[in-house]
Amino acid sequence: MIKKFYGGKFIDKQKLSNEGIDYPIKIEYYKIYDNEENREITQYGLEVVKTEYKTGNINIENKEVLRITKEEKIIDNILDRLKDNEVTPVTARYIVEDLVFDL
């Protein structure tokens, strides 16, 4: 399994402030290439990592969703949509399932 950074962003300070959060949060998205067990076809998955920079403490949360599709174009589309909508690890699996169902 190979994991490659796809993109990331810090959530807007104003958006966080509106939610009562006073510390920075970064979300990163990774594309996962899975070609284990001598498969001839690569399957693609993803990982979402959320990092909270609280005073004196850093919290990291992540979620992997593996073997979503065999088409790299589809996983890129899903990752773009997750990134654009700032999807966090907590909801990543549900959002991915909805997106794949709509394809």
Protein backbone atom coordinates (compact mmCIF):
# COMPACT_ATOMS: atom_id res chain seq x y z
CA MET A 1 0.00 0.00 0.00
CA ILE A 2 1.34 3.42 -0.98
CA LYS A 3 0.01 6.66 0.48
CA LYS A 4 0.52 9.97 -1.34
CA PHE A 5 -0.36 13.46 -0.08
CA TYR A 6 -3.22 14.85 -2.19
CA GLY A 7 -3.96 18.19 -0.55
CA GLY A 8 -4.76 19.97 2.65
CA LYS A 9 -5.97 23.19 4.20
CA PHE A 10 -6.48 25.02 7.44
CA ILE A 11 -10.15 25.59 8.25
CA ASP A 12 -11.02 29.30 8.09
CA LYS A 13 -10.57 31.06 11.45
CA GLN A 14 -13.93 32.81 11.17
CA LYS A 15 -15.74 29.53 10.52
CA LEU A 16 -14.05 27.98 13.58
CA SER A 17 -14.84 31.04 15.70
CA ASN A 18 -18.51 30.80 14.72
CA GLU A 19 -18.45 27.23 16.11
CA GLY A 20 -16.80 28.36 19.35
CA ILE A 21 -13.41 26.89 18.45
CA ASP A 22 -10.42 29.10 19.25
CA TYR A 23 -7.56 26.98 17.91
CA PRO A 24 -6.34 26.14 14.38
CA ILE A 25 -7.46 22.93 12.65
CA LYS A 26 -5.74 21.48 9.60
CA ILE A 27 -7.24 18.79 7.38
CA GLU A 28 -5.09 16.71 5.02
CA TYR A 29 -6.16 14.29 2.32
CA TYR A 30 -4.14 11.33 1.04
CA LYS A 31 -4.62 9.04 -1.94
CA ILE A 32 -3.91 5.37 -1.19
CA TYR A 33 -2.71 2.98 -3.90
CA ASP A 34 -3.43 -0.62 -2.95
CA ASN A 35 -1.87 -3.30 -5.11
CA GLU A 36 -1.34 -5.99 -2.47
CA GLU A 37 -1.67 -9.74 -2.83
CA ASN A 38 -0.22 -9.68 -6.36
CA ARG A 39 -3.31 -8.04 -7.79
CA GLU A 40 -2.90 -6.92 -11.36
CA ILE A 41 -5.28 -4.02 -10.84
CA THR A 42 -4.59 -1.18 -8.45
CA GLN A 43 -7.43 -0.21 -6.17
CA TYR A 44 -7.62 3.31 -4.79
CA GLY A 45 -8.63 4.52 -1.39
CA LEU A 46 -8.07 7.59 0.74
CA GLU A 47 -7.19 8.86 4.17
CA VAL A 48 -8.41 12.01 5.92
CA VAL A 49 -6.28 13.42 8.76
CA LYS A 50 -7.45 16.19 11.09
CA THR A 51 -4.92 17.97 13.31
CA GLU A 52 -6.11 20.25 16.11
CA TYR A 53 -3.49 22.68 17.44
CA LYS A 54 -4.79 23.29 20.95
CA THR A 55 -2.64 25.27 23.39
CA GLY A 56 -0.05 22.87 24.79
CA ASN A 57 -1.60 19.89 23.03
CA ILE A 58 -1.91 18.54 19.47
CA ASN A 59 -4.73 16.11 18.71
CA ILE A 60 -4.61 14.01 15.54
CA GLU A 61 -7.55 12.03 14.20
CA ASN A 62 -7.60 10.01 10.99
CA LYS A 63 -9.79 7.71 8.94
CA GLU A 64 -8.85 5.45 6.04
CA VAL A 65 -11.37 4.27 3.47
CA LEU A 66 -9.73 1.55 1.37
CA ARG A 67 -10.51 -0.05 -1.99
CA ILE A 68 -13.08 2.46 -3.15
CA THR A 69 -12.49 2.23 -6.90
CA LYS A 70 -10.16 0.88 -9.57
CA GLU A 71 -10.23 4.20 -11.46
CA GLU A 72 -7.81 6.93 -10.42
CA LYS A 73 -9.99 9.64 -12.00
CA ILE A 74 -12.86 8.69 -9.65
CA ILE A 75 -10.72 8.79 -6.50
CA ASP A 76 -9.30 12.17 -7.56
CA ASN A 77 -12.85 13.48 -8.00
CA ILE A 78 -13.85 12.19 -4.55
CA LEU A 79 -10.74 13.69 -2.92
CA ASP A 80 -11.40 17.06 -4.59
CA ARG A 81 -14.95 17.08 -3.26
CA LEU A 82 -13.86 16.10 0.26
CA LYS A 83 -11.20 18.82 0.27
CA ASP A 84 -13.53 21.51 -1.14
CA ASN A 85 -16.11 20.74 1.55
CA GLU A 86 -13.58 20.33 4.40
CA VAL A 87 -14.78 16.81 5.25
CA THR A 88 -13.28 15.51 8.51
CA PRO A 89 -12.40 11.94 9.51
CA VAL A 90 -15.61 11.55 11.54
CA THR A 91 -17.85 11.79 8.47
CA ALA A 92 -15.42 10.68 5.75
CA ARG A 93 -16.69 7.10 5.35
CA TYR A 94 -20.36 8.18 5.13
CA ILE A 95 -19.63 10.93 2.63
CA VAL A 96 -17.51 8.60 0.48
CA GLU A 97 -20.26 5.97 0.49
CA ASP A 98 -22.78 8.59 -0.64
CA LEU A 99 -20.44 9.86 -3.38
CA VAL A 100 -19.68 6.35 -4.67
CA PHE A 101 -23.39 5.45 -4.64
CA ASP A 102 -24.10 8.53 -6.80
CA LEU A 103 -21.52 7.53 -9.47
